[in-house]
Amino acid sequence: MKPLFSMLVVAGFLGSCSRKPALDPHVWFIESYDNGVITVHHDGNTYKATCSGRTSYSSDFKDVTTLPNCGNAVELVQHSVQPFGGELKREADGRTLVILNVGSRLVLRSTKDEHSPLIDEEFTITSVTKTPH
């Protein structure tokens, strides 16, 4: 009984260490977020970037709020986010999420509808490397 149990534990562990599923290279895949540093993959590159803060704009853009954190990024670890442009698709919770690459910055943008705030979380890119295949 003991050897069978050990084999099942090892088989389960090895099964959980399998390769990541193939991702559409054109989406932004948020791999991790740790101590203000986000790691994302896009178009064959791996980006590391540091959170610069979060800006929330009211639907009429008259009220602007800034915060020093990037809370949406934490929630989206291991999640694919569509690039800016083209037909935008809503998430299951109704939000529209996109990532933009603006010079030396990445911007994670989210909104729910035309009456909801627009939230931009900005990250300063610290490195870009080719993603190994």
N, C-alpha and C. Protein backbone atom coordinates (compact mmCIF):
# COMPACT_ATOMS: atom_id res chain seq x y z
N MET A 1 0.83 -1.19 0.00
CA MET A 1 0.00 0.00 0.00
C MET A 1 0.87 1.25 0.00
N LYS A 2 1.92 1.25 0.80
CA LYS A 2 2.78 2.43 0.91
C LYS A 2 3.46 2.77 -0.42
N PRO A 3 4.05 1.78 -1.17
CA PRO A 3 4.67 2.12 -2.45
C PRO A 3 3.66 2.68 -3.45
N LEU A 4 2.44 2.17 -3.46
CA LEU A 4 1.42 2.68 -4.37
C LEU A 4 1.09 4.13 -4.05
N PHE A 5 0.94 4.44 -2.76
CA PHE A 5 0.66 5.81 -2.34
C PHE A 5 1.78 6.75 -2.77
N SER A 6 3.04 6.32 -2.56
CA SER A 6 4.20 7.13 -2.94
C SER A 6 4.21 7.38 -4.44
N MET A 7 3.90 6.35 -5.22
CA MET A 7 3.87 6.50 -6.68
C MET A 7 2.78 7.49 -7.09
N LEU A 8 1.63 7.43 -6.44
CA LEU A 8 0.55 8.36 -6.78
C LEU A 8 0.92 9.80 -6.44
N VAL A 9 1.58 10.00 -5.31
CA VAL A 9 2.02 11.34 -4.92
C VAL A 9 3.01 11.89 -5.93
N VAL A 10 3.99 11.06 -6.32
CA VAL A 10 5.00 11.49 -7.30
C VAL A 10 4.34 11.76 -8.65
N ALA A 11 3.43 10.91 -9.08
CA ALA A 11 2.75 11.12 -10.36
C ALA A 11 1.94 12.42 -10.34
N GLY A 12 1.28 12.68 -9.23
CA GLY A 12 0.52 13.92 -9.12
C GLY A 12 1.42 15.13 -9.15
N PHE A 13 2.55 15.05 -8.48
CA PHE A 13 3.51 16.17 -8.47
C PHE A 13 4.05 16.41 -9.88
N LEU A 14 4.46 15.35 -10.56
CA LEU A 14 4.99 15.50 -11.92
C LEU A 14 3.94 16.03 -12.87
N GLY A 15 2.71 15.62 -12.69
CA GLY A 15 1.64 16.11 -13.55
C GLY A 15 1.41 17.60 -13.37
N SER A 16 1.60 18.09 -12.17
CA SER A 16 1.39 19.52 -11.93
C SER A 16 2.56 20.36 -12.41
N CYS A 17 3.68 19.73 -12.77
CA CYS A 17 4.86 20.46 -13.25
C CYS A 17 4.92 20.49 -14.77
N SER A 18 3.83 20.19 -15.42
CA SER A 18 3.84 20.17 -16.88
C SER A 18 4.02 21.57 -17.44
N ARG A 19 4.32 21.62 -18.74
CA ARG A 19 4.54 22.91 -19.40
C ARG A 19 3.27 23.74 -19.39
N LYS A 20 3.46 25.07 -19.50
CA LYS A 20 2.32 25.97 -19.59
C LYS A 20 1.58 25.72 -20.89
N PRO A 21 0.27 25.92 -20.92
CA PRO A 21 -0.46 25.76 -22.17
C PRO A 21 0.02 26.83 -23.15
N ALA A 22 -0.08 26.51 -24.44
CA ALA A 22 0.32 27.47 -25.48
C ALA A 22 -0.60 28.70 -25.40
N LEU A 23 0.01 29.87 -25.45
CA LEU A 23 -0.74 31.12 -25.37
C LEU A 23 -0.68 31.84 -26.70
N ASP A 24 -1.70 32.60 -27.00
CA ASP A 24 -1.68 33.47 -28.16
C ASP A 24 -0.59 34.50 -27.91
N PRO A 25 0.44 34.57 -28.76
CA PRO A 25 1.55 35.49 -28.48
C PRO A 25 1.16 36.96 -28.56
N HIS A 26 0.01 37.26 -29.15
CA HIS A 26 -0.39 38.66 -29.30
C HIS A 26 -1.13 39.21 -28.09
N VAL A 27 -1.57 38.34 -27.19
CA VAL A 27 -2.18 38.84 -25.94
C VAL A 27 -1.06 39.11 -24.96
N TRP A 28 -1.38 39.82 -23.91
CA TRP A 28 -0.45 40.07 -22.82
C TRP A 28 -0.78 39.06 -21.73
N PHE A 29 0.17 38.23 -21.37
CA PHE A 29 -0.05 37.24 -20.31
C PHE A 29 0.70 37.71 -19.06
N ILE A 30 -0.05 37.96 -17.99
CA ILE A 30 0.54 38.40 -16.74
C ILE A 30 1.01 37.16 -15.97
N GLU A 31 2.30 36.97 -15.95
CA GLU A 31 2.87 35.79 -15.31
C GLU A 31 2.92 35.94 -13.79
N SER A 32 3.37 37.12 -13.34
CA SER A 32 3.51 37.29 -11.89
C SER A 32 3.48 38.77 -11.52
N TYR A 33 3.27 38.99 -10.22
CA TYR A 33 3.34 40.33 -9.65
C TYR A 33 3.89 40.16 -8.24
N ASP A 34 5.05 40.74 -7.98
CA ASP A 34 5.70 40.53 -6.70
C ASP A 34 6.38 41.82 -6.26
N ASN A 35 5.99 42.33 -5.10
CA ASN A 35 6.60 43.54 -4.53
C ASN A 35 6.65 44.69 -5.53
N GLY A 36 5.55 44.90 -6.24
CA GLY A 36 5.46 46.02 -7.17
C GLY A 36 6.06 45.77 -8.54
N VAL A 37 6.55 44.56 -8.79
CA VAL A 37 7.15 44.24 -10.10
C VAL A 37 6.26 43.24 -10.82
N ILE A 38 5.83 43.63 -12.03
CA ILE A 38 4.99 42.77 -12.85
C ILE A 38 5.86 42.12 -13.92
N THR A 39 5.58 40.86 -14.24
CA THR A 39 6.23 40.15 -15.33
C THR A 39 5.15 39.74 -16.31
N VAL A 40 5.28 40.18 -17.56
CA VAL A 40 4.28 39.87 -18.59
C VAL A 40 4.98 39.39 -19.85
N HIS A 41 4.26 38.58 -20.63
CA HIS A 41 4.76 38.07 -21.90
C HIS A 41 3.87 38.62 -23.02
N HIS A 42 4.53 39.03 -24.12
CA HIS A 42 3.78 39.56 -25.27
C HIS A 42 4.67 39.51 -26.51
N ASP A 43 4.13 38.97 -27.59
CA ASP A 43 4.82 38.93 -28.89
C ASP A 43 6.26 38.43 -28.79
N GLY A 44 6.47 37.36 -28.03
CA GLY A 44 7.80 36.76 -27.95
C GLY A 44 8.76 37.44 -27.01
N ASN A 45 8.28 38.40 -26.24
CA ASN A 45 9.12 39.12 -25.29
C ASN A 45 8.59 38.95 -23.87
N THR A 46 9.50 39.03 -22.91
CA THR A 46 9.14 39.05 -21.49
C THR A 46 9.49 40.43 -20.97
N TYR A 47 8.50 41.10 -20.40
CA TYR A 47 8.67 42.43 -19.84
C TYR A 47 8.65 42.34 -18.32
N LYS A 48 9.56 43.05 -17.70
CA LYS A 48 9.50 43.28 -16.25
C LYS A 48 9.33 44.78 -16.08
N ALA A 49 8.40 45.15 -15.20
CA ALA A 49 8.11 46.58 -15.02
C ALA A 49 7.68 46.83 -13.58
N THR A 50 7.98 48.03 -13.10
CA THR A 50 7.69 48.42 -11.72
C THR A 50 6.45 49.30 -11.67
N CYS A 51 5.58 49.02 -10.70
CA CYS A 51 4.35 49.80 -10.54
C CYS A 51 4.68 51.26 -10.26
N SER A 52 4.09 52.16 -11.06
CA SER A 52 4.26 53.60 -10.85
C SER A 52 3.04 54.21 -10.18
N GLY A 53 1.94 53.45 -10.14
CA GLY A 53 0.72 53.94 -9.51
C GLY A 53 -0.50 53.73 -10.36
N ARG A 54 -1.61 54.16 -9.79
CA ARG A 54 -2.92 53.92 -10.39
C ARG A 54 -3.66 55.24 -10.46
N THR A 55 -4.28 55.51 -11.61
CA THR A 55 -5.07 56.72 -11.79
C THR A 55 -6.48 56.30 -12.20
N SER A 56 -7.46 56.85 -11.50
CA SER A 56 -8.86 56.57 -11.79
C SER A 56 -9.51 57.85 -12.28
N TYR A 57 -10.17 57.76 -13.45
CA TYR A 57 -10.84 58.91 -14.05
C TYR A 57 -12.35 58.66 -14.00
N SER A 58 -13.11 59.66 -13.55
CA SER A 58 -14.57 59.51 -13.57
C SER A 58 -15.03 59.44 -15.02
N SER A 59 -16.27 59.01 -15.24
CA SER A 59 -16.76 58.82 -16.60
C SER A 59 -16.77 60.13 -17.41
N ASP A 60 -16.88 61.26 -16.73
CA ASP A 60 -16.83 62.55 -17.43
C ASP A 60 -15.43 63.18 -17.39
N PHE A 61 -14.46 62.46 -16.80
CA PHE A 61 -13.06 62.88 -16.68
C PHE A 61 -12.87 64.15 -15.86
N LYS A 62 -13.87 64.52 -15.05
CA LYS A 62 -13.75 65.70 -14.19
C LYS A 62 -13.09 65.37 -12.87
N ASP A 63 -13.25 64.14 -12.40
CA ASP A 63 -12.65 63.72 -11.13
C ASP A 63 -11.53 62.73 -11.41
N VAL A 64 -10.36 63.02 -10.86
CA VAL A 64 -9.20 62.16 -11.05
C VAL A 64 -8.64 61.81 -9.67
N THR A 65 -8.41 60.51 -9.44
CA THR A 65 -7.86 60.03 -8.18
C THR A 65 -6.61 59.22 -8.48
N THR A 66 -5.55 59.45 -7.72
CA THR A 66 -4.33 58.66 -7.90
C THR A 66 -4.02 57.90 -6.62
N LEU A 67 -3.48 56.72 -6.80
CA LEU A 67 -3.06 55.87 -5.68
C LEU A 67 -1.68 55.29 -6.02
N PRO A 68 -0.89 54.97 -5.01
CA PRO A 68 0.47 54.47 -5.27
C PRO A 68 0.56 52.96 -5.53
N ASN A 69 -0.58 52.29 -5.73
CA ASN A 69 -0.52 50.83 -5.89
C ASN A 69 -1.12 50.39 -7.22
N CYS A 70 -1.01 49.10 -7.50
CA CYS A 70 -1.51 48.52 -8.75
C CYS A 70 -2.33 47.27 -8.42
N GLY A 71 -3.50 47.48 -7.82
CA GLY A 71 -4.34 46.38 -7.34
C GLY A 71 -4.90 45.47 -8.41
N ASN A 72 -5.23 46.02 -9.59
CA ASN A 72 -5.76 45.16 -10.65
C ASN A 72 -4.73 44.14 -11.10
N ALA A 73 -3.47 44.54 -11.16
CA ALA A 73 -2.42 43.63 -11.60
C ALA A 73 -2.32 42.42 -10.68
N VAL A 74 -2.47 42.64 -9.39
CA VAL A 74 -2.41 41.53 -8.43
C VAL A 74 -3.51 40.52 -8.73
N GLU A 75 -4.71 41.02 -9.01
CA GLU A 75 -5.86 40.15 -9.30
C GLU A 75 -5.71 39.39 -10.61
N LEU A 76 -4.88 39.89 -11.52
CA LEU A 76 -4.81 39.32 -12.87
C LEU A 76 -3.61 38.42 -13.12
N VAL A 77 -2.88 38.04 -12.08
CA VAL A 77 -1.75 37.13 -12.26
C VAL A 77 -2.27 35.82 -12.86
N GLN A 78 -1.55 35.31 -13.85
CA GLN A 78 -1.89 34.10 -14.61
C GLN A 78 -3.12 34.31 -15.49
N HIS A 79 -3.31 35.54 -15.95
CA HIS A 79 -4.46 35.91 -16.77
C HIS A 79 -3.98 36.54 -18.07
N SER A 80 -4.66 36.25 -19.15
CA SER A 80 -4.36 36.88 -20.44
C SER A 80 -5.18 38.15 -20.58
N VAL A 81 -4.54 39.21 -21.07
CA VAL A 81 -5.19 40.50 -21.26
C VAL A 81 -5.00 40.90 -22.71
N GLN A 82 -6.07 41.37 -23.33
CA GLN A 82 -6.01 41.74 -24.74
C GLN A 82 -5.18 43.01 -24.95
N PRO A 83 -4.54 43.11 -26.12
CA PRO A 83 -3.81 44.34 -26.43
C PRO A 83 -4.79 45.46 -26.78
N PHE A 84 -4.31 46.69 -26.67
CA PHE A 84 -5.12 47.85 -27.02
C PHE A 84 -5.33 47.86 -28.53
N GLY A 85 -6.52 48.23 -28.96
CA GLY A 85 -6.84 48.29 -30.38
C GLY A 85 -7.66 47.10 -30.81
N GLY A 86 -8.32 47.24 -31.92
CA GLY A 86 -9.15 46.16 -32.42
C GLY A 86 -10.44 46.05 -31.65
N GLU A 87 -11.14 44.96 -31.88
CA GLU A 87 -12.42 44.72 -31.19
C GLU A 87 -12.14 44.34 -29.75
N LEU A 88 -12.73 45.08 -28.82
CA LEU A 88 -12.51 44.82 -27.40
C LEU A 88 -13.54 43.85 -26.86
N LYS A 89 -13.07 42.86 -26.12
CA LYS A 89 -13.95 41.85 -25.54
C LYS A 89 -14.05 42.06 -24.04
N ARG A 90 -15.23 41.86 -23.51
CA ARG A 90 -15.45 41.99 -22.07
C ARG A 90 -15.07 40.69 -21.36
N GLU A 91 -14.61 40.86 -20.13
CA GLU A 91 -14.32 39.72 -19.26
C GLU A 91 -15.64 39.18 -18.72
N ALA A 92 -15.59 38.03 -18.05
CA ALA A 92 -16.79 37.42 -17.48
C ALA A 92 -17.46 38.34 -16.46
N ASP A 93 -16.67 39.19 -15.78
CA ASP A 93 -17.24 40.10 -14.77
C ASP A 93 -17.73 41.42 -15.38
N GLY A 94 -17.66 41.54 -16.71
CA GLY A 94 -18.16 42.74 -17.39
C GLY A 94 -17.12 43.80 -17.68
N ARG A 95 -15.93 43.66 -17.10
CA ARG A 95 -14.87 44.64 -17.34
C ARG A 95 -14.25 44.46 -18.72
N THR A 96 -13.75 45.54 -19.27
CA THR A 96 -12.89 45.49 -20.44
C THR A 96 -11.48 45.79 -19.96
N LEU A 97 -10.55 44.88 -20.24
CA LEU A 97 -9.15 45.02 -19.82
C LEU A 97 -8.26 45.05 -21.04
N VAL A 98 -7.33 45.98 -21.07
CA VAL A 98 -6.34 46.04 -22.14
C VAL A 98 -4.99 46.43 -21.55
N ILE A 99 -3.93 46.08 -22.26
CA ILE A 99 -2.59 46.57 -21.91
C ILE A 99 -2.05 47.32 -23.11
N LEU A 100 -1.50 48.49 -22.83
CA LEU A 100 -0.87 49.33 -23.84
C LEU A 100 0.62 49.42 -23.53
N ASN A 101 1.43 49.46 -24.57
CA ASN A 101 2.86 49.72 -24.41
C ASN A 101 3.09 51.13 -24.93
N VAL A 102 3.41 52.05 -24.02
CA VAL A 102 3.58 53.46 -24.37
C VAL A 102 5.01 53.86 -24.03
N GLY A 103 5.90 53.80 -25.02
CA GLY A 103 7.30 54.14 -24.78
C GLY A 103 7.93 53.23 -23.76
N SER A 104 8.36 53.78 -22.63
CA SER A 104 9.01 52.99 -21.59
C SER A 104 8.03 52.55 -20.50
N ARG A 105 6.73 52.60 -20.83
CA ARG A 105 5.70 52.25 -19.84
C ARG A 105 4.75 51.20 -20.39
N LEU A 106 4.21 50.42 -19.47
CA LEU A 106 3.06 49.56 -19.75
C LEU A 106 1.89 50.14 -18.98
N VAL A 107 0.72 50.12 -19.59
CA VAL A 107 -0.48 50.62 -18.92
C VAL A 107 -1.53 49.51 -18.95
N LEU A 108 -1.99 49.11 -17.78
CA LEU A 108 -3.09 48.16 -17.65
C LEU A 108 -4.34 49.00 -17.45
N ARG A 109 -5.24 48.97 -18.43
CA ARG A 109 -6.44 49.82 -18.40
C ARG A 109 -7.67 48.94 -18.20
N SER A 110 -8.55 49.38 -17.30
CA SER A 110 -9.80 48.65 -17.08
C SER A 110 -10.96 49.61 -16.96
N THR A 111 -12.10 49.17 -17.45
CA THR A 111 -13.34 49.91 -17.30
C THR A 111 -14.49 48.92 -17.44
N LYS A 112 -15.65 49.29 -16.92
CA LYS A 112 -16.80 48.40 -17.00
C LYS A 112 -17.76 48.85 -18.09
N ASP A 113 -18.10 50.13 -18.10
CA ASP A 113 -18.99 50.68 -19.13
C ASP A 113 -18.79 52.18 -19.17
N GLU A 114 -19.57 52.88 -19.99
CA GLU A 114 -19.38 54.32 -20.16
C GLU A 114 -19.72 55.13 -18.91
N HIS A 115 -20.36 54.52 -17.92
CA HIS A 115 -20.71 55.22 -16.68
C HIS A 115 -19.75 54.89 -15.54
N SER A 116 -18.83 53.99 -15.77
CA SER A 116 -17.88 53.55 -14.74
C SER A 116 -16.55 54.28 -14.91
N PRO A 117 -15.78 54.34 -13.83
CA PRO A 117 -14.47 54.98 -13.95
C PRO A 117 -13.55 54.20 -14.90
N LEU A 118 -12.63 54.92 -15.48
CA LEU A 118 -11.56 54.33 -16.28
C LEU A 118 -10.34 54.29 -15.36
N ILE A 119 -9.74 53.10 -15.21
CA ILE A 119 -8.61 52.95 -14.29
C ILE A 119 -7.37 52.56 -15.10
N ASP A 120 -6.32 53.36 -14.96
CA ASP A 120 -5.03 53.07 -15.58
C ASP A 120 -4.03 52.76 -14.48
N GLU A 121 -3.40 51.59 -14.58
CA GLU A 121 -2.28 51.26 -13.71
C GLU A 121 -1.03 51.34 -14.58
N GLU A 122 -0.08 52.18 -14.17
CA GLU A 122 1.12 52.40 -14.97
C GLU A 122 2.32 51.68 -14.37
N PHE A 123 3.14 51.13 -15.26
CA PHE A 123 4.34 50.41 -14.89
C PHE A 123 5.50 50.93 -15.72
N THR A 124 6.62 51.17 -15.09
CA THR A 124 7.83 51.58 -15.79
C THR A 124 8.61 50.32 -16.16
N ILE A 125 8.87 50.14 -17.45
CA ILE A 125 9.57 48.95 -17.93
C ILE A 125 11.02 48.99 -17.46
N THR A 126 11.47 47.90 -16.83
CA THR A 126 12.85 47.82 -16.37
C THR A 126 13.68 46.87 -17.23
N SER A 127 13.01 45.93 -17.91
CA SER A 127 13.75 45.04 -18.84
C SER A 127 12.79 44.39 -19.82
N VAL A 128 13.33 44.12 -21.00
CA VAL A 128 12.61 43.38 -22.05
C VAL A 128 13.59 42.35 -22.59
N THR A 129 13.18 41.07 -22.52
CA THR A 129 14.05 40.01 -23.05
C THR A 129 13.20 39.11 -23.95
N LYS A 130 13.87 38.41 -24.85
CA LYS A 130 13.19 37.44 -25.71
C LYS A 130 12.74 36.27 -24.84
N THR A 131 11.50 35.86 -25.02
CA THR A 131 10.96 34.74 -24.27
C THR A 131 11.49 33.45 -24.89
N PRO A 132 12.14 32.57 -24.09
CA PRO A 132 12.60 31.30 -24.63
C PRO A 132 11.43 30.44 -25.05
N HIS A 133 11.62 29.66 -26.10
CA HIS A 133 10.53 28.80 -26.60
C HIS A 133 10.45 27.55 -25.82
